[in-house]
C-alpha atoms as a PDB file:
ATOM      1  CA  MET A   1     -64.520   4.395  84.006  1.00  0.00           C
ATOM      2  CA  LEU A   2     -65.957   6.180  80.345  1.00  0.00           C
ATOM      3  CA  ARG A   3     -63.759   6.191  77.402  1.00  0.00           C
ATOM      4  CA  ILE A   4     -64.671   7.977  74.526  1.00  0.00           C
ATOM      5  CA  PRO A   5     -65.385   5.597  71.426  1.00  0.00           C
ATOM      6  CA  LYS A   6     -63.326   5.074  68.278  1.00  0.00           C
ATOM      7  CA  VAL A   7     -63.982   5.915  65.626  1.00  0.00           C
ATOM      8  CA  LYS A   8     -64.819   2.368  64.915  1.00  0.00           C
ATOM      9  CA  HIS A   9     -67.557   1.261  66.950  1.00  0.00           C
ATOM     10  CA  VAL A  10     -69.729   4.137  64.935  1.00  0.00           C
ATOM     11  CA  MET A  11     -68.089   4.058  61.318  1.00  0.00           C
ATOM     12  CA  THR A  12     -70.374   2.283  58.648  1.00  0.00           C
ATOM     13  CA  ALA A  13     -68.566  -1.186  57.297  1.00  0.00           C
ATOM     14  CA  PHE A  14     -67.404  -3.014  54.488  1.00  0.00           C
ATOM     15  CA  PRO A  15     -68.559   0.825  52.565  1.00  0.00           C
ATOM     16  CA  TYR A  16     -69.246   0.527  49.116  1.00  0.00           C
ATOM     17  CA  SER A  17     -66.569   2.175  46.350  1.00  0.00           C
ATOM     18  CA  THR A  18     -64.992   2.216  43.373  1.00  0.00           C
ATOM     19  CA  LYS A  19     -62.158   2.463  41.152  1.00  0.00           C
ATOM     20  CA  PRO A  20     -60.900   5.840  39.350  1.00  0.00           C
ATOM     21  CA  SER A  21     -61.167   4.829  35.668  1.00  0.00           C
ATOM     22  CA  ALA A  22     -64.937   3.996  36.938  1.00  0.00           C
ATOM     23  CA  PRO A  23     -67.215   5.608  34.187  1.00  0.00           C
ATOM     24  CA  LEU A  24     -68.820   8.962  35.980  1.00  0.00           C
ATOM     25  CA  GLN A  25     -71.939   8.409  34.815  1.00  0.00           C
ATOM     26  CA  GLN A  26     -72.001   4.210  35.688  1.00  0.00           C
ATOM     27  CA  ALA A  27     -71.488   6.528  39.758  1.00  0.00           C
ATOM     28  CA  ILE A  28     -73.613   8.069  39.543  1.00  0.00           C
ATOM     29  CA  GLU A  29     -76.084   5.524  39.029  1.00  0.00           C
ATOM     30  CA  PHE A  30     -74.460   3.482  41.916  1.00  0.00           C
ATOM     31  CA  MET A  31     -74.184   6.748  43.943  1.00  0.00           C
ATOM     32  CA  ARG A  32     -78.494   6.997  43.163  1.00  0.00           C
ATOM     33  CA  THR A  33     -79.431   3.910  43.455  1.00  0.00           C
ATOM     34  CA  HIS A  34     -77.694   3.544  46.715  1.00  0.00           C
ATOM     35  CA  HIS A  35     -78.918   6.947  48.417  1.00  0.00           C
ATOM     36  CA  ILE A  36     -75.136   7.272  49.186  1.00  0.00           C
ATOM     37  CA  ARG A  37     -73.892  10.971  48.550  1.00  0.00           C
ATOM     38  CA  HIS A  38     -69.741  10.257  49.482  1.00  0.00           C
ATOM     39  CA  LEU A  39     -68.136   7.746  47.325  1.00  0.00           C
ATOM     40  CA  PRO A  40     -64.423   5.857  48.063  1.00  0.00           C
ATOM     41  CA  ILE A  41     -62.356   5.409  45.000  1.00  0.00           C
ATOM     42  CA  THR A  42     -59.528   3.183  46.459  1.00  0.00           C
ATOM     43  CA  ASP A  43     -56.718   1.634  43.849  1.00  0.00           C
ATOM     44  CA  ASP A  44     -55.869  -1.918  45.112  1.00  0.00           C
ATOM     45  CA  ASP A  45     -58.101  -1.176  48.504  1.00  0.00           C
ATOM     46  CA  GLU A  46     -56.113   1.779  48.839  1.00  0.00           C
ATOM     47  CA  VAL A  47     -58.135   5.056  49.352  1.00  0.00           C
ATOM     48  CA  VAL A  48     -56.923   7.173  46.596  1.00  0.00           C
ATOM     49  CA  GLY A  49     -59.795   9.668  46.257  1.00  0.00           C
ATOM     50  CA  MET A  50     -63.675  10.575  47.485  1.00  0.00           C
ATOM     51  CA  LEU A  51     -66.178  11.781  45.216  1.00  0.00           C
ATOM     52  CA  SER A  52     -69.241  13.045  46.333  1.00  0.00           C
ATOM     53  CA  ASP A  53     -72.523  14.527  45.162  1.00  0.00           C
ATOM     54  CA  ARG A  54     -71.263  17.729  45.651  1.00  0.00           C
ATOM     55  CA  ASP A  55     -68.531  17.699  43.547  1.00  0.00           C
ATOM     56  CA  ILE A  56     -70.543  15.847  40.429  1.00  0.00           C
ATOM     57  CA  LYS A  57     -72.562  19.250  40.936  1.00  0.00           C
ATOM     58  CA  LEU A  58     -69.926  21.314  40.547  1.00  0.00           C
ATOM     59  CA  VAL A  59     -68.657  19.745  37.649  1.00  0.00           C
ATOM     60  CA  LEU A  60     -71.307  18.049  35.543  1.00  0.00           C
ATOM     61  CA  GLY A  61     -73.858  21.464  35.940  1.00  0.00           C
ATOM     62  CA  PRO A  62     -76.909  22.017  38.382  1.00  0.00           C
ATOM     63  CA  ASP A  63     -78.968  19.870  35.133  1.00  0.00           C
ATOM     64  CA  PHE A  64     -75.764  17.627  34.973  1.00  0.00           C
ATOM     65  CA  ALA A  65     -75.717  18.422  31.231  1.00  0.00           C
ATOM     66  CA  TYR A  66     -71.482  20.203  30.629  1.00  0.00           C
ATOM     67  CA  PRO A  67     -69.452  18.638  29.888  1.00  0.00           C
ATOM     68  CA  ASP A  68     -70.814  15.319  28.940  1.00  0.00           C
ATOM     69  CA  PRO A  69     -70.342  12.639  31.795  1.00  0.00           C
ATOM     70  CA  GLU A  70     -69.822   9.924  29.415  1.00  0.00           C
ATOM     71  CA  GLN A  71     -66.974  11.590  28.488  1.00  0.00           C
ATOM     72  CA  LEU A  72     -65.593  11.622  32.379  1.00  0.00           C
ATOM     73  CA  THR A  73     -64.372   8.783  35.346  1.00  0.00           C
ATOM     74  CA  ALA A  74     -64.791   8.881  38.130  1.00  0.00           C
ATOM     75  CA  GLY A  75     -60.535   9.823  38.731  1.00  0.00           C
ATOM     76  CA  ASP A  76     -61.591  12.779  36.819  1.00  0.00           C
ATOM     77  CA  VAL A  77     -64.037  14.304  39.372  1.00  0.00           C
ATOM     78  CA  MET A  78     -62.676  12.843  42.574  1.00  0.00           C
ATOM     79  CA  GLN A  79     -61.161  15.157  45.560  1.00  0.00           C
ATOM     80  CA  GLU A  80     -57.832  13.638  45.806  1.00  0.00           C
ATOM     81  CA  HIS A  81     -57.304  14.854  49.145  1.00  0.00           C
ATOM     82  CA  CYS A  82     -59.837  13.881  51.482  1.00  0.00           C
ATOM     83  CA  TYR A  83     -59.539  13.131  54.590  1.00  0.00           C
ATOM     84  CA  SER A  84     -58.887   9.661  56.149  1.00  0.00           C
ATOM     85  CA  VAL A  85     -58.449   8.495  59.749  1.00  0.00           C
ATOM     86  CA  ASP A  86     -57.588   4.833  61.333  1.00  0.00           C
ATOM     87  CA  LEU A  87     -60.203   2.999  62.673  1.00  0.00           C
ATOM     88  CA  ASP A  88     -58.645   3.292  66.334  1.00  0.00           C
ATOM     89  CA  GLU A  89     -58.509   6.955  65.759  1.00  0.00           C
ATOM     90  CA  ARG A  90     -60.860   8.859  68.533  1.00  0.00           C
ATOM     91  CA  LEU A  91     -64.649   9.369  67.531  1.00  0.00           C
ATOM     92  CA  ASP A  92     -63.718  13.049  69.459  1.00  0.00           C
ATOM     93  CA  LEU A  93     -61.073  13.906  67.173  1.00  0.00           C
ATOM     94  CA  VAL A  94     -62.609  12.720  64.537  1.00  0.00           C
ATOM     95  CA  LEU A  95     -65.364  14.786  65.172  1.00  0.00           C
ATOM     96  CA  LYS A  96     -63.597  18.137  65.802  1.00  0.00           C
ATOM     97  CA  HIS A  97     -61.608  17.680  62.830  1.00  0.00           C
ATOM     98  CA  MET A  98     -65.028  17.503  60.752  1.00  0.00           C
ATOM     99  CA  ALA A  99     -66.710  20.564  62.214  1.00  0.00           C
ATOM    100  CA  GLU A 100     -63.381  23.105  61.984  1.00  0.00           C
ATOM    101  CA  HIS A 101     -62.978  22.295  58.190  1.00  0.00           C
ATOM    102  CA  HIS A 102     -66.630  21.347  57.036  1.00  0.00           C
ATOM    103  CA  ILE A 103     -66.192  18.152  56.421  1.00  0.00           C
ATOM    104  CA  GLY A 104     -69.480  15.260  54.811  1.00  0.00           C
ATOM    105  CA  CYS A 105     -67.325  12.510  55.709  1.00  0.00           C
ATOM    106  CA  ALA A 106     -63.813  10.208  56.659  1.00  0.00           C
ATOM    107  CA  ALA A 107     -62.650   7.268  55.193  1.00  0.00           C
ATOM    108  CA  ILE A 108     -62.066   4.527  58.054  1.00  0.00           C
ATOM    109  CA  THR A 109     -59.262   3.253  56.995  1.00  0.00           C
ATOM    110  CA  ARG A 110     -57.018  -0.479  58.509  1.00  0.00           C
ATOM    111  CA  HIS A 111     -53.537  -0.184  57.855  1.00  0.00           C
ATOM    112  CA  GLY A 112     -53.761   2.060  55.171  1.00  0.00           C
ATOM    113  CA  LYS A 113     -56.765  -0.194  53.625  1.00  0.00           C
ATOM    114  CA  LEU A 114     -60.650   1.132  53.484  1.00  0.00           C
ATOM    115  CA  ALA A 115     -62.581  -0.712  56.270  1.00  0.00           C
ATOM    116  CA  GLY A 116     -65.265   1.931  56.307  1.00  0.00           C
ATOM    117  CA  MET A 117     -67.201   5.262  56.018  1.00  0.00           C
ATOM    118  CA  PHE A 118     -67.780   7.645  58.497  1.00  0.00           C
ATOM    119  CA  THR A 119     -70.555  10.803  58.142  1.00  0.00           C
ATOM    120  CA  THR A 120     -72.268  13.240  58.852  1.00  0.00           C
ATOM    121  CA  SER A 121     -75.636  11.278  59.112  1.00  0.00           C
ATOM    122  CA  ASP A 122     -73.408   8.091  61.321  1.00  0.00           C
ATOM    123  CA  ALA A 123     -72.162  11.070  63.963  1.00  0.00           C
ATOM    124  CA  CYS A 124     -76.049  11.967  64.202  1.00  0.00           C
ATOM    125  CA  LYS A 125     -77.250   8.309  64.757  1.00  0.00           C
ATOM    126  CA  SER A 126     -74.663   8.139  66.811  1.00  0.00           C
ATOM    127  CA  PHE A 127     -75.297  11.215  68.752  1.00  0.00           C
ATOM    128  CA  ALA A 128     -79.019  10.461  68.891  1.00  0.00           C
ATOM    129  CA  GLU A 129     -78.272   6.829  70.833  1.00  0.00           C
ATOM    130  CA  HIS A 130     -76.216   8.778  72.646  1.00  0.00           C
ATOM    131  CA  LEU A 131     -79.131  10.977  73.930  1.00  0.00           C
ATOM    132  CA  ARG A 132     -81.393   8.042  74.010  1.00  0.00           C
ATOM    133  CA  ASP A 133     -79.181   6.068  76.306  1.00  0.00           C
ATOM    134  CA  GLN A 134     -78.614   9.317  78.864  1.00  0.00           C
ATOM    135  CA  PHE A 135     -82.325   9.943  79.526  1.00  0.00           C
ATOM    136  CA  ARG A 136     -83.098   5.990  80.169  1.00  0.00           C
ATOM    137  CA  ARG A 137     -80.474   5.904  82.550  1.00  0.00           C
ATOM    138  CA  SER A 138     -82.026   9.370  84.320  1.00  0.00           C
ATOM    139  CA  GLY A 139     -85.490   7.311  84.396  1.00  0.00           C
ATOM    140  CA  GLY A 140     -86.975   9.920  81.817  1.00  0.00           C
ATOM    141  CA  ASN A 141     -87.706  10.130  77.758  1.00  0.00           C
ATOM    142  CA  VAL A 142     -88.372  13.196  77.490  1.00  0.00           C
ATOM    143  CA  ALA A 143     -86.542  16.043  76.802  1.00  0.00           C
END
């Protein structure tokens, strides 16, 4: 019998994170370098917030000029209340919640500590693989 997978099977494990005290400019450069749009903010490996490229644009404006990013920390800009679930949560429940609340990512935890990230990109990759598997099983690869 098939079971709905858990989010741990499709998450990105060992995600990057930073501390609330990290300079915002450093976090921006880190996100650009690693091509990520969501950066968990952790304190002792516990998720205390989420920094997104959208939050940065909202705070700094479209030209990243005001206020001076050199004067802010990641903690000043992060969203304190971010969507966080245990790695054993069913994937369908995570997807439903993200869709209903227009959320772009979920912090995945194990015993309250950051274990992974699940983003809309991860969801798309997982669904693409699911479709390929379904068509391979049916003997075709043309939709």
